[in-house]
């Protein structure tokens, strides 16, 4: 099955507990995304990604981390 990935550069917010962390969304598909955020933000493995330009939010699970980049799957 072919998974279509769209290259984007959109601002987003990672929301967990009472915290919000700014991020940049680099790629998106209907299954997940690749995002960049500060590696020092202590982002948990589960959070909500808010994409305000699309007026959407997604429950997410972290699949992989490397430096400031994360690959996430939409729950």
PDB file of N, CA and C in Angstrom:
ATOM      1  N   UNK A   1       0.842  -1.180   0.000  1.00  0.00           N
ATOM      2  CA  UNK A   1       0.000   0.000   0.000  1.00  0.00           C
ATOM      3  C   UNK A   1       0.886   1.242   0.000  1.00  0.00           C
ATOM      4  N   UNK A   2       0.596   2.164  -0.855  1.00  0.00           N
ATOM      5  CA  UNK A   2       1.369   3.382  -1.003  1.00  0.00           C
ATOM      6  C   UNK A   2       0.870   4.443  -0.036  1.00  0.00           C
ATOM      7  N   UNK A   3       1.769   4.982   0.761  1.00  0.00           N
ATOM      8  CA  UNK A   3       1.418   6.034   1.700  1.00  0.00           C
ATOM      9  C   UNK A   3       1.887   7.371   1.137  1.00  0.00           C
ATOM     10  N   UNK A   4       0.966   8.232   0.815  1.00  0.00           N
ATOM     11  CA  UNK A   4       1.307   9.522   0.251  1.00  0.00           C
ATOM     12  C   UNK A   4       1.768  10.466   1.351  1.00  0.00           C
ATOM     13  N   UNK A   5       2.958  11.006   1.190  1.00  0.00           N
ATOM     14  CA  UNK A   5       3.536  11.955   2.145  1.00  0.00           C
ATOM     15  C   UNK A   5       3.644  13.301   1.447  1.00  0.00           C
ATOM     16  N   UNK A   6       3.193  14.345   2.114  1.00  0.00           N
ATOM     17  CA  UNK A   6       3.241  15.690   1.562  1.00  0.00           C
ATOM     18  C   UNK A   6       4.294  16.503   2.298  1.00  0.00           C
ATOM     19  N   UNK A   7       5.190  17.119   1.537  1.00  0.00           N
ATOM     20  CA  UNK A   7       6.191  18.008   2.135  1.00  0.00           C
ATOM     21  C   UNK A   7       5.516  19.327   2.470  1.00  0.00           C
ATOM     22  N   UNK A   8       5.649  19.749   3.700  1.00  0.00           N
ATOM     23  CA  UNK A   8       5.052  21.009   4.148  1.00  0.00           C
ATOM     24  C   UNK A   8       6.028  21.700   5.088  1.00  0.00           C
ATOM     25  N   UNK A   9       5.836  22.957   5.278  1.00  0.00           N
ATOM     26  CA  UNK A   9       6.538  23.688   6.340  1.00  0.00           C
ATOM     27  C   UNK A   9       5.460  24.532   7.006  1.00  0.00           C
ATOM     28  N   UNK A  10       4.922  23.984   8.101  1.00  0.00           N
ATOM     29  CA  UNK A  10       3.830  24.646   8.812  1.00  0.00           C
ATOM     30  C   UNK A  10       4.187  24.771  10.279  1.00  0.00           C
ATOM     31  N   UNK A  11       3.773  25.861  10.897  1.00  0.00           N
ATOM     32  CA  UNK A  11       3.943  25.945  12.351  1.00  0.00           C
ATOM     33  C   UNK A  11       2.894  25.087  13.047  1.00  0.00           C
ATOM     34  N   UNK A  12       3.264  24.552  14.179  1.00  0.00           N
ATOM     35  CA  UNK A  12       2.336  23.763  14.980  1.00  0.00           C
ATOM     36  C   UNK A  12       2.637  23.940  16.450  1.00  0.00           C
ATOM     37  N   UNK A  13       1.794  23.338  17.267  1.00  0.00           N
ATOM     38  CA  UNK A  13       2.011  23.350  18.712  1.00  0.00           C
ATOM     39  C   UNK A  13       1.828  21.936  19.240  1.00  0.00           C
ATOM     40  N   UNK A  14       2.771  21.533  20.083  1.00  0.00           N
ATOM     41  CA  UNK A  14       2.684  20.258  20.787  1.00  0.00           C
ATOM     42  C   UNK A  14       2.086  20.575  22.155  1.00  0.00           C
ATOM     43  N   UNK A  15       0.973  19.908  22.474  1.00  0.00           N
ATOM     44  CA  UNK A  15       0.262  20.204  23.709  1.00  0.00           C
ATOM     45  C   UNK A  15       0.243  18.955  24.586  1.00  0.00           C
ATOM     46  N   UNK A  16       0.689  19.099  25.831  1.00  0.00           N
ATOM     47  CA  UNK A  16       0.671  18.001  26.797  1.00  0.00           C
ATOM     48  C   UNK A  16       0.617  18.600  28.194  1.00  0.00           C
ATOM     49  N   UNK A  17      -0.038  17.901  29.106  1.00  0.00           N
ATOM     50  CA  UNK A  17      -0.233  18.388  30.480  1.00  0.00           C
ATOM     51  C   UNK A  17      -0.706  19.840  30.409  1.00  0.00           C
ATOM     52  N   UNK A  18       0.024  20.749  31.013  1.00  0.00           N
ATOM     53  CA  UNK A  18      -0.323  22.172  30.945  1.00  0.00           C
ATOM     54  C   UNK A  18       0.690  22.942  30.110  1.00  0.00           C
ATOM     55  N   UNK A  19       1.369  22.249  29.193  1.00  0.00           N
ATOM     56  CA  UNK A  19       2.437  22.882  28.429  1.00  0.00           C
ATOM     57  C   UNK A  19       2.104  22.936  26.938  1.00  0.00           C
ATOM     58  N   UNK A  20       2.674  23.942  26.269  1.00  0.00           N
ATOM     59  CA  UNK A  20       2.599  24.074  24.812  1.00  0.00           C
ATOM     60  C   UNK A  20       4.011  24.332  24.313  1.00  0.00           C
ATOM     61  N   UNK A  21       4.423  23.574  23.310  1.00  0.00           N
ATOM     62  CA  UNK A  21       5.761  23.721  22.721  1.00  0.00           C
ATOM     63  C   UNK A  21       5.575  23.990  21.236  1.00  0.00           C
ATOM     64  N   UNK A  22       6.205  25.057  20.747  1.00  0.00           N
ATOM     65  CA  UNK A  22       6.140  25.376  19.323  1.00  0.00           C
ATOM     66  C   UNK A  22       6.943  24.338  18.536  1.00  0.00           C
ATOM     67  N   UNK A  23       6.459  24.016  17.336  1.00  0.00           N
ATOM     68  CA  UNK A  23       7.179  23.078  16.482  1.00  0.00           C
ATOM     69  C   UNK A  23       6.978  23.456  15.026  1.00  0.00           C
ATOM     70  N   UNK A  24       7.746  22.814  14.156  1.00  0.00           N
ATOM     71  CA  UNK A  24       7.604  22.969  12.712  1.00  0.00           C
ATOM     72  C   UNK A  24       7.258  21.610  12.133  1.00  0.00           C
ATOM     73  N   UNK A  25       6.194  21.561  11.367  1.00  0.00           N
ATOM     74  CA  UNK A  25       5.778  20.326  10.705  1.00  0.00           C
ATOM     75  C   UNK A  25       6.469  20.288   9.345  1.00  0.00           C
ATOM     76  N   UNK A  26       7.216  19.208   9.086  1.00  0.00           N
ATOM     77  CA  UNK A  26       7.985  19.078   7.842  1.00  0.00           C
ATOM     78  C   UNK A  26       7.293  18.219   6.792  1.00  0.00           C
ATOM     79  N   UNK A  27       6.712  17.112   7.221  1.00  0.00           N
ATOM     80  CA  UNK A  27       5.960  16.253   6.302  1.00  0.00           C
ATOM     81  C   UNK A  27       4.690  15.796   6.998  1.00  0.00           C
ATOM     82  N   UNK A  28       3.665  15.509   6.190  1.00  0.00           N
ATOM     83  CA  UNK A  28       2.412  15.001   6.749  1.00  0.00           C
ATOM     84  C   UNK A  28       1.809  13.981   5.798  1.00  0.00           C
ATOM     85  N   UNK A  29       1.166  12.994   6.391  1.00  0.00           N
ATOM     86  CA  UNK A  29       0.351  12.052   5.639  1.00  0.00           C
ATOM     87  C   UNK A  29      -0.909  11.834   6.457  1.00  0.00           C
ATOM     88  N   UNK A  30      -1.800  11.006   5.982  1.00  0.00           N
ATOM     89  CA  UNK A  30      -3.007  10.763   6.781  1.00  0.00           C
ATOM     90  C   UNK A  30      -2.708   9.877   7.984  1.00  0.00           C
ATOM     91  N   UNK A  31      -1.496   9.285   8.032  1.00  0.00           N
ATOM     92  CA  UNK A  31      -1.110   8.377   9.114  1.00  0.00           C
ATOM     93  C   UNK A  31      -0.219   9.017  10.170  1.00  0.00           C
ATOM     94  N   UNK A  32       0.466  10.132   9.824  1.00  0.00           N
ATOM     95  CA  UNK A  32       1.392  10.741  10.759  1.00  0.00           C
ATOM     96  C   UNK A  32       2.144  11.903  10.147  1.00  0.00           C
ATOM     97  N   UNK A  33       3.241  12.279  10.805  1.00  0.00           N
ATOM     98  CA  UNK A  33       3.999  13.449  10.369  1.00  0.00           C
ATOM     99  C   UNK A  33       5.432  13.374  10.873  1.00  0.00           C
ATOM    100  N   UNK A  34       6.253  14.241  10.302  1.00  0.00           N
ATOM    101  CA  UNK A  34       7.609  14.467  10.781  1.00  0.00           C
ATOM    102  C   UNK A  34       7.655  15.911  11.251  1.00  0.00           C
ATOM    103  N   UNK A  35       8.073  16.117  12.495  1.00  0.00           N
ATOM    104  CA  UNK A  35       8.079  17.456  13.062  1.00  0.00           C
ATOM    105  C   UNK A  35       9.433  17.759  13.690  1.00  0.00           C
ATOM    106  N   UNK A  36       9.692  19.046  13.884  1.00  0.00           N
ATOM    107  CA  UNK A  36      10.899  19.494  14.571  1.00  0.00           C
ATOM    108  C   UNK A  36      10.508  20.360  15.753  1.00  0.00           C
ATOM    109  N   UNK A  37      11.133  20.086  16.887  1.00  0.00           N
ATOM    110  CA  UNK A  37      10.909  20.864  18.108  1.00  0.00           C
ATOM    111  C   UNK A  37      12.185  20.827  18.926  1.00  0.00           C
ATOM    112  N   UNK A  38      12.280  21.699  19.887  1.00  0.00           N
ATOM    113  CA  UNK A  38      13.457  21.738  20.748  1.00  0.00           C
ATOM    114  C   UNK A  38      13.663  20.388  21.434  1.00  0.00           C
ATOM    115  N   UNK A  39      14.868  19.811  21.323  1.00  0.00           N
ATOM    116  CA  UNK A  39      15.127  18.537  21.993  1.00  0.00           C
ATOM    117  C   UNK A  39      15.192  18.676  23.514  1.00  0.00           C
ATOM    118  N   UNK A  40      15.197  19.900  24.007  1.00  0.00           N
ATOM    119  CA  UNK A  40      15.292  20.157  25.445  1.00  0.00           C
ATOM    120  C   UNK A  40      13.925  20.373  26.092  1.00  0.00           C
ATOM    121  N   UNK A  41      12.839  20.162  25.337  1.00  0.00           N
ATOM    122  CA  UNK A  41      11.498  20.476  25.840  1.00  0.00           C
ATOM    123  C   UNK A  41      10.860  19.343  26.637  1.00  0.00           C
ATOM    124  N   UNK A  42      11.511  18.183  26.740  1.00  0.00           N
ATOM    125  CA  UNK A  42      10.959  17.039  27.484  1.00  0.00           C
ATOM    126  C   UNK A  42       9.551  16.678  27.034  1.00  0.00           C
ATOM    127  N   UNK A  43       9.390  16.495  25.742  1.00  0.00           N
ATOM    128  CA  UNK A  43       8.094  16.156  25.156  1.00  0.00           C
ATOM    129  C   UNK A  43       7.817  14.673  25.409  1.00  0.00           C
ATOM    130  N   UNK A  44       6.638  14.350  25.930  1.00  0.00           N
ATOM    131  CA  UNK A  44       6.322  12.944  26.212  1.00  0.00           C
ATOM    132  C   UNK A  44       6.053  12.150  24.933  1.00  0.00           C
ATOM    133  N   UNK A  45       5.892  10.848  25.061  1.00  0.00           N
ATOM    134  CA  UNK A  45       5.655   9.982  23.902  1.00  0.00           C
ATOM    135  C   UNK A  45       4.238  10.099  23.353  1.00  0.00           C
ATOM    136  N   UNK A  46       3.326  10.678  24.113  1.00  0.00           N
ATOM    137  CA  UNK A  46       1.954  10.903  23.646  1.00  0.00           C
ATOM    138  C   UNK A  46       1.579  12.355  23.906  1.00  0.00           C
ATOM    139  N   UNK A  47       1.012  12.996  22.893  1.00  0.00           N
ATOM    140  CA  UNK A  47       0.627  14.402  23.006  1.00  0.00           C
ATOM    141  C   UNK A  47      -0.396  14.728  21.930  1.00  0.00           C
ATOM    142  N   UNK A  48      -0.856  15.967  21.928  1.00  0.00           N
ATOM    143  CA  UNK A  48      -1.765  16.468  20.899  1.00  0.00           C
ATOM    144  C   UNK A  48      -0.993  17.458  20.042  1.00  0.00           C
ATOM    145  N   UNK A  49      -1.084  17.300  18.718  1.00  0.00           N
ATOM    146  CA  UNK A  49      -0.472  18.234  17.779  1.00  0.00           C
ATOM    147  C   UNK A  49      -1.560  19.149  17.251  1.00  0.00           C
ATOM    148  N   UNK A  50      -1.387  20.450  17.437  1.00  0.00           N
ATOM    149  CA  UNK A  50      -2.336  21.441  16.953  1.00  0.00           C
ATOM    150  C   UNK A  50      -1.755  22.093  15.705  1.00  0.00           C
ATOM    151  N   UNK A  51      -2.529  22.031  14.613  1.00  0.00           N
ATOM    152  CA  UNK A  51      -2.137  22.674  13.354  1.00  0.00           C
ATOM    153  C   UNK A  51      -3.154  23.786  13.123  1.00  0.00           C
ATOM    154  N   UNK A  52      -2.848  24.956  13.626  1.00  0.00           N
ATOM    155  CA  UNK A  52      -3.833  26.034  13.612  1.00  0.00           C
ATOM    156  C   UNK A  52      -4.166  26.505  12.200  1.00  0.00           C
ATOM    157  N   UNK A  53      -3.227  26.432  11.262  1.00  0.00           N
ATOM    158  CA  UNK A  53      -3.515  26.869   9.890  1.00  0.00           C
ATOM    159  C   UNK A  53      -4.566  25.990   9.225  1.00  0.00           C
ATOM    160  N   UNK A  54      -4.676  24.726   9.676  1.00  0.00           N
ATOM    161  CA  UNK A  54      -5.684  23.801   9.132  1.00  0.00           C
ATOM    162  C   UNK A  54      -6.902  23.676  10.047  1.00  0.00           C
ATOM    163  N   UNK A  55      -6.858  24.334  11.214  1.00  0.00           N
ATOM    164  CA  UNK A  55      -7.926  24.233  12.215  1.00  0.00           C
ATOM    165  C   UNK A  55      -8.165  22.778  12.618  1.00  0.00           C
ATOM    166  N   UNK A  56      -7.056  22.022  12.818  1.00  0.00           N
ATOM    167  CA  UNK A  56      -7.147  20.612  13.189  1.00  0.00           C
ATOM    168  C   UNK A  56      -6.198  20.303  14.338  1.00  0.00           C
ATOM    169  N   UNK A  57      -6.561  19.263  15.084  1.00  0.00           N
ATOM    170  CA  UNK A  57      -5.665  18.742  16.115  1.00  0.00           C
ATOM    171  C   UNK A  57      -5.647  17.222  15.994  1.00  0.00           C
ATOM    172  N   UNK A  58      -4.514  16.635  16.365  1.00  0.00           N
ATOM    173  CA  UNK A  58      -4.312  15.199  16.222  1.00  0.00           C
ATOM    174  C   UNK A  58      -3.720  14.634  17.512  1.00  0.00           C
ATOM    175  N   UNK A  59      -4.280  13.537  18.002  1.00  0.00           N
ATOM    176  CA  UNK A  59      -3.648  12.783  19.083  1.00  0.00           C
ATOM    177  C   UNK A  59      -2.483  12.030  18.451  1.00  0.00           C
ATOM    178  N   UNK A  60      -1.308  12.069  19.085  1.00  0.00           N
ATOM    179  CA  UNK A  60      -0.096  11.529  18.473  1.00  0.00           C
ATOM    180  C   UNK A  60       0.678  10.610  19.405  1.00  0.00           C
ATOM    181  N   UNK A  61       1.394   9.680  18.790  1.00  0.00           N
ATOM    182  CA  UNK A  61       2.357   8.819  19.473  1.00  0.00           C
ATOM    183  C   UNK A  61       3.699   8.981  18.778  1.00  0.00           C
ATOM    184  N   UNK A  62       4.761   9.167  19.553  1.00  0.00           N
ATOM    185  CA  UNK A  62       6.101   9.294  18.973  1.00  0.00           C
ATOM    186  C   UNK A  62       6.579   7.919  18.529  1.00  0.00           C
ATOM    187  N   UNK A  63       7.033   7.839  17.282  1.00  0.00           N
ATOM    188  CA  UNK A  63       7.562   6.600  16.717  1.00  0.00           C
ATOM    189  C   UNK A  63       9.088   6.589  16.813  1.00  0.00           C
ATOM    190  N   UNK A  64       9.710   7.754  16.529  1.00  0.00           N
ATOM    191  CA  UNK A  64      11.172   7.843  16.529  1.00  0.00           C
ATOM    192  C   UNK A  64      11.591   9.280  16.841  1.00  0.00           C
ATOM    193  N   UNK A  65      12.703   9.403  17.531  1.00  0.00           N
ATOM    194  CA  UNK A  65      13.294  10.712  17.843  1.00  0.00           C
ATOM    195  C   UNK A  65      14.758  10.716  17.400  1.00  0.00           C
ATOM    196  N   UNK A  66      15.183  11.816  16.845  1.00  0.00           N
ATOM    197  CA  UNK A  66      16.600  12.006  16.519  1.00  0.00           C
ATOM    198  C   UNK A  66      16.889  13.505  16.557  1.00  0.00           C
ATOM    199  N   UNK A  67      17.600  13.919  17.595  1.00  0.00           N
ATOM    200  CA  UNK A  67      17.883  15.353  17.760  1.00  0.00           C
ATOM    201  C   UNK A  67      16.593  16.119  17.932  1.00  0.00           C
ATOM    202  N   UNK A  68      16.407  17.130  17.086  1.00  0.00           N
ATOM    203  CA  UNK A  68      15.187  17.944  17.189  1.00  0.00           C
ATOM    204  C   UNK A  68      14.041  17.398  16.344  1.00  0.00           C
ATOM    205  N   UNK A  69      14.282  16.338  15.564  1.00  0.00           N
ATOM    206  CA  UNK A  69      13.237  15.799  14.683  1.00  0.00           C
ATOM    207  C   UNK A  69      12.546  14.600  15.343  1.00  0.00           C
ATOM    208  N   UNK A  70      11.214  14.541  15.167  1.00  0.00           N
ATOM    209  CA  UNK A  70      10.409  13.410  15.647  1.00  0.00           C
ATOM    210  C   UNK A  70       9.519  12.925  14.515  1.00  0.00           C
ATOM    211  N   UNK A  71       9.359  11.627  14.447  1.00  0.00           N
ATOM    212  CA  UNK A  71       8.363  11.017  13.562  1.00  0.00           C
ATOM    213  C   UNK A  71       7.226  10.588  14.471  1.00  0.00           C
ATOM    214  N   UNK A  72       6.014  11.007  14.105  1.00  0.00           N
ATOM    215  CA  UNK A  72       4.855  10.707  14.941  1.00  0.00           C
ATOM    216  C   UNK A  72       3.786   9.985  14.129  1.00  0.00           C
ATOM    217  N   UNK A  73       3.010   9.167  14.811  1.00  0.00           N
ATOM    218  CA  UNK A  73       1.859   8.490  14.212  1.00  0.00           C
ATOM    219  C   UNK A  73       0.604   9.087  14.831  1.00  0.00           C
ATOM    220  N   UNK A  74      -0.386   9.322  13.994  1.00  0.00           N
ATOM    221  CA  UNK A  74      -1.662   9.808  14.512  1.00  0.00           C
ATOM    222  C   UNK A  74      -2.410   8.633  15.133  1.00  0.00           C
ATOM    223  N   UNK A  75      -2.943   8.856  16.332  1.00  0.00           N
ATOM    224  CA  UNK A  75      -3.657   7.802  17.053  1.00  0.00           C
ATOM    225  C   UNK A  75      -5.083   7.670  16.557  1.00  0.00           C
TER     226      UNK A  75
END
